[in-house]
N, C-alpha and C. Protein backbone atom coordinates (compact mmCIF):
# COMPACT_ATOMS: atom_id res chain seq x y z
N MET A 1 157.84 0.46 308.50
CA MET A 1 156.33 0.71 307.24
C MET A 1 155.02 -0.01 305.92
N SER A 2 154.29 0.60 306.16
CA SER A 2 153.51 -0.29 305.81
C SER A 2 153.56 -0.77 304.34
N LEU A 3 152.29 -1.96 304.18
CA LEU A 3 152.83 -2.13 302.95
C LEU A 3 152.10 -0.91 301.46
N LYS A 4 151.63 -0.69 301.60
CA LYS A 4 150.39 0.52 301.72
C LYS A 4 151.44 1.22 301.13
N LEU A 5 152.48 2.16 302.00
CA LEU A 5 153.30 2.56 302.00
C LEU A 5 154.23 2.02 301.06
N VAL A 6 155.25 1.55 301.06
CA VAL A 6 155.56 0.37 300.28
C VAL A 6 155.36 0.55 298.60
N SER A 7 153.92 0.28 298.29
CA SER A 7 153.49 0.08 297.94
C SER A 7 153.71 0.97 296.24
N TYR A 8 153.26 2.77 297.45
CA TYR A 8 152.82 4.17 297.36
C TYR A 8 154.33 4.08 296.75
N ILE A 9 155.72 3.98 297.72
CA ILE A 9 156.74 5.04 297.34
C ILE A 9 157.47 4.12 295.81
N ARG A 10 156.97 2.56 295.57
CA ARG A 10 157.35 1.59 294.58
C ARG A 10 156.86 2.15 293.77
N THR A 11 155.67 2.51 293.79
CA THR A 11 154.85 2.97 292.33
C THR A 11 155.79 4.90 291.72
N ILE A 12 155.88 5.59 292.54
CA ILE A 12 156.53 6.68 292.38
C ILE A 12 158.00 6.73 291.81
N ALA A 13 158.12 5.64 292.58
CA ALA A 13 159.91 5.08 291.79
C ALA A 13 159.72 4.29 289.95
N VAL A 14 159.02 4.23 290.24
CA VAL A 14 158.60 3.39 288.78
C VAL A 14 158.15 4.46 287.28
N ALA A 15 157.03 5.10 288.72
CA ALA A 15 156.65 6.14 287.31
C ALA A 15 157.95 7.42 286.66
N GLY A 16 158.65 7.85 287.69
CA GLY A 16 160.20 8.42 287.84
C GLY A 16 161.11 8.20 287.05
N ALA A 17 161.05 6.52 286.62
CA ALA A 17 161.93 6.20 286.19
C ALA A 17 161.88 5.99 284.83
N ALA A 18 160.89 5.80 284.48
CA ALA A 18 159.93 5.60 283.01
C ALA A 18 159.85 6.98 282.55
N ALA A 19 159.65 7.75 283.66
CA ALA A 19 159.35 9.67 283.09
C ALA A 19 161.12 9.25 282.44
N LEU A 20 162.32 9.15 283.45
CA LEU A 20 162.95 9.04 282.96
C LEU A 20 163.45 8.71 281.75
N VAL A 21 163.31 7.55 281.20
CA VAL A 21 163.59 6.64 279.57
C VAL A 21 162.88 7.51 278.95
N VAL A 22 161.77 7.41 279.42
CA VAL A 22 161.01 9.10 278.24
C VAL A 22 162.24 10.23 277.57
N SER A 23 162.29 10.68 278.90
CA SER A 23 163.44 11.68 278.87
C SER A 23 164.55 11.46 277.53
N ALA A 24 165.05 10.16 277.96
CA ALA A 24 166.63 9.67 277.42
C ALA A 24 166.04 9.75 275.93
N GLN A 25 164.95 8.82 275.78
CA GLN A 25 164.94 8.13 274.33
C GLN A 25 164.33 9.76 272.80
N ALA A 26 163.62 10.50 274.39
CA ALA A 26 163.63 11.89 273.19
C ALA A 26 164.91 12.98 273.26
N LEU A 27 165.65 12.47 273.82
CA LEU A 27 167.17 12.92 273.70
C LEU A 27 168.46 11.97 272.50
N ALA A 28 168.15 10.76 272.55
CA ALA A 28 168.42 10.20 271.56
C ALA A 28 168.30 9.90 270.19
N GLU A 29 166.70 10.69 269.95
CA GLU A 29 166.62 11.21 268.50
C GLU A 29 167.27 11.63 267.96
N VAL A 30 167.69 13.03 268.90
CA VAL A 30 168.25 14.74 268.49
C VAL A 30 170.05 14.10 268.44
N ARG A 31 170.39 13.02 269.36
CA ARG A 31 171.84 12.88 270.19
C ARG A 31 171.60 11.05 269.13
N PRO A 32 172.55 10.69 268.39
CA PRO A 32 172.11 8.88 269.06
C PRO A 32 173.77 8.93 268.75
N GLU A 33 174.56 9.25 269.07
CA GLU A 33 175.15 8.68 271.02
C GLU A 33 175.01 8.68 272.13
N VAL A 34 173.35 8.38 272.68
CA VAL A 34 173.00 7.97 273.66
C VAL A 34 172.44 7.59 273.63
N VAL A 35 171.89 6.65 272.72
CA VAL A 35 171.11 5.40 272.29
C VAL A 35 172.15 4.54 273.32
N GLU A 36 173.72 4.11 272.92
CA GLU A 36 173.77 3.49 273.25
C GLU A 36 174.52 3.68 274.59
N ARG A 37 174.69 4.88 275.16
CA ARG A 37 174.34 4.81 276.77
C ARG A 37 172.70 3.95 277.49
N ILE A 38 171.96 4.49 276.63
CA ILE A 38 170.52 3.97 277.45
C ILE A 38 170.24 2.63 276.89
N LYS A 39 171.29 1.97 276.49
CA LYS A 39 170.16 0.35 276.10
C LYS A 39 170.27 -0.01 276.78
N PRO A 40 169.14 -1.45 277.21
CA PRO A 40 168.65 -2.02 278.34
C PRO A 40 170.38 -3.22 278.80
N VAL A 41 170.39 -3.09 280.20
CA VAL A 41 170.81 -3.64 280.33
C VAL A 41 171.12 -4.43 281.16
N GLY A 42 169.76 -5.18 282.08
CA GLY A 42 169.67 -5.88 282.76
C GLY A 42 167.63 -6.53 282.66
N THR A 43 167.25 -7.07 284.15
CA THR A 43 165.85 -6.60 283.72
C THR A 43 165.90 -6.74 285.77
N VAL A 44 164.51 -6.01 285.70
CA VAL A 44 163.84 -5.30 286.89
C VAL A 44 163.57 -6.57 287.54
N VAL A 45 163.93 -7.21 288.89
CA VAL A 45 162.58 -7.90 289.30
C VAL A 45 162.15 -7.31 290.79
N VAL A 46 161.51 -7.02 290.59
CA VAL A 46 160.24 -6.93 292.30
C VAL A 46 160.62 -7.46 293.23
N GLU A 47 161.25 -6.89 294.55
CA GLU A 47 161.17 -8.56 295.63
C GLU A 47 159.67 -8.74 295.99
N GLY A 48 160.16 -10.30 296.07
CA GLY A 48 158.42 -10.78 296.83
C GLY A 48 157.66 -11.26 295.60
N GLU A 49 158.38 -11.38 293.83
CA GLU A 49 157.94 -11.36 293.08
C GLU A 49 158.75 -12.51 291.84
N GLU A 50 158.27 -14.15 291.51
CA GLU A 50 159.05 -14.72 291.02
C GLU A 50 160.26 -13.80 289.85
N LYS A 51 161.34 -14.21 290.19
CA LYS A 51 161.89 -14.32 289.20
C LYS A 51 162.49 -14.84 287.67
N ALA A 52 161.86 -13.56 286.68
CA ALA A 52 161.97 -13.84 285.47
C ALA A 52 163.08 -14.46 284.37
N ALA A 53 165.22 -14.15 284.58
CA ALA A 53 165.12 -14.83 284.13
C ALA A 53 166.91 -13.67 285.00
N ALA A 54 167.80 -14.29 284.57
CA ALA A 54 169.02 -13.30 285.17
C ALA A 54 169.17 -12.52 284.64
N PRO A 55 169.15 -11.45 284.81
CA PRO A 55 170.06 -10.22 284.28
C PRO A 55 171.18 -10.38 283.86
N ALA A 56 171.15 -9.68 282.96
CA ALA A 56 172.74 -9.99 281.84
C ALA A 56 173.84 -9.32 282.54
N PRO A 57 175.30 -9.78 281.78
CA PRO A 57 176.17 -9.09 282.13
C PRO A 57 176.57 -7.96 281.90
N ALA A 58 177.00 -6.99 282.14
CA ALA A 58 177.16 -5.02 282.46
C ALA A 58 177.04 -5.01 281.41
N ALA A 59 178.05 -5.88 280.63
CA ALA A 59 179.09 -5.23 279.43
C ALA A 59 177.96 -5.39 277.79
N GLU A 60 176.56 -5.78 278.10
CA GLU A 60 176.05 -6.91 276.85
C GLU A 60 174.73 -6.64 277.47
N ALA A 61 174.22 -5.94 276.05
CA ALA A 61 172.42 -6.17 276.11
C ALA A 61 171.48 -7.32 276.74
N PRO A 62 170.57 -7.34 277.25
CA PRO A 62 170.12 -8.40 277.42
C PRO A 62 169.48 -9.10 275.62
N ALA A 63 168.95 -10.70 275.85
CA ALA A 63 168.60 -10.97 274.60
C ALA A 63 167.53 -11.05 274.59
N ALA A 64 166.77 -10.35 274.19
CA ALA A 64 165.21 -10.94 274.48
C ALA A 64 164.09 -12.34 273.70
N PRO A 65 163.45 -12.34 274.63
CA PRO A 65 162.41 -13.40 274.02
C PRO A 65 162.51 -13.77 272.61
N ALA A 66 162.30 -15.36 271.88
CA ALA A 66 162.03 -15.03 270.65
C ALA A 66 161.08 -15.23 270.49
N PRO A 67 160.55 -13.53 269.44
CA PRO A 67 158.68 -13.39 269.27
C PRO A 67 158.48 -14.05 268.42
N ALA A 68 156.89 -13.86 268.11
CA ALA A 68 155.91 -14.71 266.62
C ALA A 68 157.06 -14.16 265.61
N ALA A 69 156.54 -14.55 264.57
CA ALA A 69 157.24 -13.41 263.37
C ALA A 69 156.36 -12.49 263.17
N ALA A 70 157.72 -11.48 262.46
CA ALA A 70 157.32 -9.86 262.61
C ALA A 70 156.55 -10.24 261.68
N PRO A 71 155.45 -8.98 261.39
CA PRO A 71 155.22 -8.82 259.69
C PRO A 71 156.08 -8.26 258.86
N ALA A 72 156.10 -8.34 257.76
CA ALA A 72 157.18 -8.18 256.32
C ALA A 72 157.04 -6.97 256.68
N GLY A 73 156.15 -5.21 257.51
CA GLY A 73 156.66 -4.33 257.01
C GLY A 73 157.45 -3.70 257.62
N GLY A 74 158.47 -4.80 257.61
CA GLY A 74 159.85 -4.98 259.30
C GLY A 74 159.82 -5.54 259.48
N ASP A 75 161.00 -5.51 260.63
CA ASP A 75 161.92 -5.78 262.12
C ASP A 75 160.80 -5.04 263.48
N ALA A 76 159.94 -5.90 264.02
CA ALA A 76 159.46 -5.45 264.65
C ALA A 76 160.65 -5.17 266.45
N GLN A 77 160.82 -6.63 266.65
CA GLN A 77 162.33 -7.01 267.72
C GLN A 77 162.58 -5.40 267.72
N ALA A 78 163.33 -5.19 266.17
CA ALA A 78 163.78 -4.46 266.55
C ALA A 78 163.77 -2.67 266.66
N ILE A 79 163.09 -2.28 266.02
CA ILE A 79 161.82 -1.52 266.10
C ILE A 79 161.93 -1.06 267.39
N ALA A 80 161.29 -2.37 268.40
CA ALA A 80 161.02 -2.13 269.56
C ALA A 80 161.55 -1.09 270.48
N GLN A 81 162.70 -2.16 270.09
CA GLN A 81 164.66 -1.77 271.29
C GLN A 81 165.01 -0.92 270.56
N ALA A 82 164.62 0.31 269.25
CA ALA A 82 165.46 0.96 268.94
C ALA A 82 164.98 2.16 269.34
N LYS A 83 163.69 2.20 269.62
CA LYS A 83 162.41 3.17 269.94
C LYS A 83 161.84 2.95 271.20
N GLY A 84 162.97 2.43 272.10
CA GLY A 84 162.67 1.98 273.67
C GLY A 84 161.12 1.62 274.36
N CYS A 85 160.81 0.65 273.59
CA CYS A 85 159.79 -0.27 273.91
C CYS A 85 159.73 -1.04 274.94
N LEU A 86 161.39 -1.53 274.74
CA LEU A 86 161.03 -2.84 275.84
C LEU A 86 162.58 -2.11 277.19
N ALA A 87 161.92 -1.00 277.76
CA ALA A 87 162.74 -0.26 278.16
C ALA A 87 161.28 -0.60 279.20
N CYS A 88 160.04 -0.38 279.36
CA CYS A 88 158.57 -0.74 279.79
C CYS A 88 157.97 -1.70 279.63
N HIS A 89 158.29 -2.70 278.46
CA HIS A 89 157.39 -3.36 278.58
C HIS A 89 158.39 -4.88 277.84
N GLN A 90 158.06 -5.97 277.74
CA GLN A 90 158.84 -7.57 277.31
C GLN A 90 157.87 -8.56 277.03
N VAL A 91 158.28 -9.53 275.89
CA VAL A 91 157.19 -9.94 275.42
C VAL A 91 156.13 -11.09 276.58
N ALA A 92 156.93 -11.47 277.59
CA ALA A 92 156.09 -12.46 278.97
C ALA A 92 155.79 -11.53 279.95
N VAL A 93 157.16 -10.62 280.22
CA VAL A 93 157.01 -10.54 281.72
C VAL A 93 156.61 -9.08 281.54
N LYS A 94 155.61 -8.48 283.48
CA LYS A 94 155.31 -7.56 282.99
C LYS A 94 156.34 -6.71 283.92
N VAL A 95 157.07 -5.68 283.15
CA VAL A 95 158.13 -4.60 283.97
C VAL A 95 156.81 -3.19 284.64
N VAL A 96 157.18 -2.08 283.04
CA VAL A 96 156.89 -0.86 284.17
C VAL A 96 155.02 -1.19 283.72
N GLY A 97 155.13 -1.24 282.29
CA GLY A 97 154.18 -1.75 281.49
C GLY A 97 152.96 -3.36 281.67
N PRO A 98 152.42 -3.60 280.33
CA PRO A 98 151.53 -4.70 280.42
C PRO A 98 152.86 -5.64 279.11
N SER A 99 152.64 -6.69 279.31
CA SER A 99 153.54 -7.97 278.89
C SER A 99 152.83 -7.81 276.91
N TYR A 100 152.94 -7.43 276.67
CA TYR A 100 152.81 -7.83 275.48
C TYR A 100 151.75 -8.56 274.88
N THR A 101 152.21 -10.28 276.00
CA THR A 101 151.42 -11.50 275.14
C THR A 101 150.07 -11.34 275.80
N ASP A 102 150.19 -10.31 277.19
CA ASP A 102 148.74 -9.95 278.02
C ASP A 102 147.72 -8.83 277.05
N VAL A 103 149.05 -7.99 276.97
CA VAL A 103 148.27 -6.99 275.78
C VAL A 103 147.38 -7.49 274.42
N ALA A 104 148.36 -8.22 274.23
CA ALA A 104 148.06 -9.35 272.78
C ALA A 104 146.61 -9.88 273.08
N ALA A 105 146.37 -10.22 274.37
CA ALA A 105 145.65 -11.18 274.46
C ALA A 105 143.84 -10.09 274.95
N LYS A 106 144.33 -9.14 275.68
CA LYS A 106 142.89 -8.11 276.16
C LYS A 106 142.66 -7.95 274.75
N TYR A 107 142.57 -7.66 273.54
CA TYR A 107 142.77 -7.04 272.33
C TYR A 107 142.45 -7.82 271.42
N LYS A 108 143.07 -9.76 271.27
CA LYS A 108 141.82 -10.12 270.73
C LYS A 108 140.89 -10.75 269.80
N SER A 109 140.28 -9.90 270.90
CA SER A 109 138.50 -10.13 270.29
C SER A 109 138.09 -8.87 269.58
N ASP A 110 139.49 -7.88 269.41
CA ASP A 110 139.10 -6.49 268.93
C ASP A 110 138.82 -6.34 267.48
N ALA A 111 138.37 -6.18 266.12
CA ALA A 111 138.81 -6.10 265.35
C ALA A 111 139.52 -4.83 264.85
N ASN A 112 138.90 -3.70 265.83
CA ASN A 112 140.03 -2.52 265.42
C ASN A 112 141.18 -2.16 265.51
N ALA A 113 141.64 -3.66 266.93
CA ALA A 113 143.32 -3.76 267.44
C ALA A 113 144.41 -2.82 267.59
N VAL A 114 144.03 -3.63 265.74
CA VAL A 114 145.44 -2.51 265.66
C VAL A 114 145.79 -1.00 265.80
N ASP A 115 144.95 -0.25 264.57
CA ASP A 115 144.31 0.55 265.07
C ASP A 115 143.90 1.31 266.44
N THR A 116 143.28 0.78 267.19
CA THR A 116 142.98 1.38 268.50
C THR A 116 144.51 1.02 269.45
N LEU A 117 145.25 0.46 269.34
CA LEU A 117 146.73 0.40 270.56
C LEU A 117 147.55 1.28 269.57
N VAL A 118 147.67 1.44 267.90
CA VAL A 118 148.36 2.68 267.35
C VAL A 118 148.26 3.68 268.14
N ALA A 119 147.24 3.68 267.69
CA ALA A 119 146.11 5.60 268.77
C ALA A 119 146.58 5.84 270.39
N LYS A 120 146.58 3.92 271.21
CA LYS A 120 146.88 4.88 271.95
C LYS A 120 148.51 5.32 272.34
N VAL A 121 148.76 4.83 271.99
CA VAL A 121 150.79 4.50 271.35
C VAL A 121 151.13 5.84 271.00
N LYS A 122 150.27 6.09 270.69
CA LYS A 122 150.91 7.53 270.10
C LYS A 122 150.68 9.26 270.81
N ALA A 123 148.57 8.67 271.54
CA ALA A 123 148.47 9.23 272.41
C ALA A 123 148.87 9.80 274.15
N GLY A 124 149.40 7.85 274.26
CA GLY A 124 149.86 8.27 275.42
C GLY A 124 148.37 7.65 276.61
N GLY A 125 148.34 7.42 277.72
CA GLY A 125 147.18 8.13 278.83
C GLY A 125 147.75 7.02 280.02
N VAL A 126 146.45 6.71 280.56
CA VAL A 126 146.58 6.36 281.87
C VAL A 126 144.84 5.26 282.43
N GLY A 127 145.36 4.02 283.07
CA GLY A 127 144.34 3.98 283.52
C GLY A 127 143.68 2.36 283.14
N THR A 128 144.06 1.89 281.65
CA THR A 128 143.87 0.92 280.80
C THR A 128 144.57 -0.49 282.08
N TRP A 129 145.99 0.22 282.14
CA TRP A 129 146.33 -0.72 282.65
C TRP A 129 147.03 -0.81 283.96
N GLY A 130 146.37 -0.16 284.62
CA GLY A 130 146.51 1.08 286.41
C GLY A 130 147.07 2.17 286.00
N GLN A 131 147.65 2.53 286.89
CA GLN A 131 148.41 4.14 287.64
C GLN A 131 149.43 4.27 286.93
N ILE A 132 149.90 3.81 286.84
CA ILE A 132 151.06 4.17 285.50
C ILE A 132 151.06 4.95 284.27
N PRO A 133 151.36 5.88 283.94
CA PRO A 133 151.27 6.55 282.79
C PRO A 133 151.87 5.59 281.39
N MET A 134 151.41 5.39 280.24
CA MET A 134 152.16 5.96 279.46
C MET A 134 152.19 6.88 278.18
N PRO A 135 153.24 7.16 278.34
CA PRO A 135 153.52 8.28 277.39
C PRO A 135 153.79 8.90 276.17
N PRO A 136 153.18 9.47 275.83
CA PRO A 136 152.90 9.99 274.15
C PRO A 136 154.81 9.81 273.85
N GLN A 137 154.25 8.73 272.33
CA GLN A 137 155.04 7.93 271.69
C GLN A 137 155.33 8.84 270.38
N ALA A 138 154.59 10.36 270.71
CA ALA A 138 154.81 11.25 269.10
C ALA A 138 154.94 11.01 268.09
N HIS A 139 156.74 11.46 268.43
CA HIS A 139 157.79 11.56 267.47
C HIS A 139 158.81 10.24 267.62
N VAL A 140 157.41 8.37 267.65
CA VAL A 140 157.49 7.26 267.03
C VAL A 140 157.04 7.44 265.69
N PRO A 141 157.66 7.54 264.18
CA PRO A 141 156.51 7.48 263.11
C PRO A 141 155.13 6.38 262.91
N GLU A 142 154.35 6.95 263.22
CA GLU A 142 153.13 5.56 263.22
C GLU A 142 153.63 4.38 262.47
N ALA A 143 154.24 4.32 261.15
CA ALA A 143 154.44 3.02 260.26
C ALA A 143 155.13 1.95 261.66
N ASP A 144 156.00 2.69 261.98
CA ASP A 144 157.27 2.05 263.51
C ASP A 144 156.31 1.95 264.03
N ILE A 145 155.38 2.52 265.09
CA ILE A 145 154.08 1.36 265.59
C ILE A 145 153.15 0.68 265.17
N ARG A 146 152.71 0.95 264.00
CA ARG A 146 151.88 -0.22 263.68
C ARG A 146 152.63 -1.65 263.30
N THR A 147 154.08 -1.37 262.35
CA THR A 147 154.75 -2.46 263.07
C THR A 147 154.53 -3.70 264.60
N VAL A 148 155.34 -2.80 264.82
CA VAL A 148 155.02 -3.28 266.32
C VAL A 148 154.35 -3.40 266.75
N VAL A 149 152.87 -3.04 266.69
CA VAL A 149 151.72 -3.54 267.46
C VAL A 149 150.73 -4.81 266.13
N GLU A 150 151.01 -4.59 264.99
CA GLU A 150 151.45 -6.15 264.02
C GLU A 150 152.17 -7.25 264.82
N TRP A 151 153.03 -6.81 265.49
CA TRP A 151 153.81 -8.07 265.92
C TRP A 151 153.06 -8.93 266.80
N ILE A 152 153.02 -7.25 268.16
CA ILE A 152 152.34 -8.26 269.63
C ILE A 152 151.00 -8.77 269.24
N MET A 153 150.28 -8.38 268.03
CA MET A 153 148.25 -9.27 267.83
C MET A 153 149.01 -10.54 267.51
N THR A 154 150.61 -10.01 267.07
CA THR A 154 150.18 -12.37 266.40
C THR A 154 150.94 -12.69 267.73
N MET A 155 150.88 -12.45 269.46
CA MET A 155 151.52 -13.68 270.08
C MET A 155 150.43 -14.62 270.74
């Protein structure tokens, strides 16, 4: 198989997995017992890329990397975990979407970064970080999105 075809298949598979995560998250909003079943249980490592960390045992969720200080408005890392953000994003490693440190670096000189990113998270989109879409997160309260974005911008 050609490298281009393998890359295309991998992109389709990742986009499909992201769509399933978003669907499960929406269901979890209605049925809280689903949250336990969809929590992350390890990390995704793509063959040929450097391994970031060993996967956690399946019995427990992995510990997330230590974050920068969370803003006073709430526990941003807990919100990110509860709302499913960490299924596609990690602090320092690109998963499906960009790492939080990459987002902070890209927007560090933008005085309106927090407002811009809150709007992007709510609306979703594609093209800023490649062709894998960011599903809209309109079901997440704006205050929670803002708390997570403010935390990201401290990195």
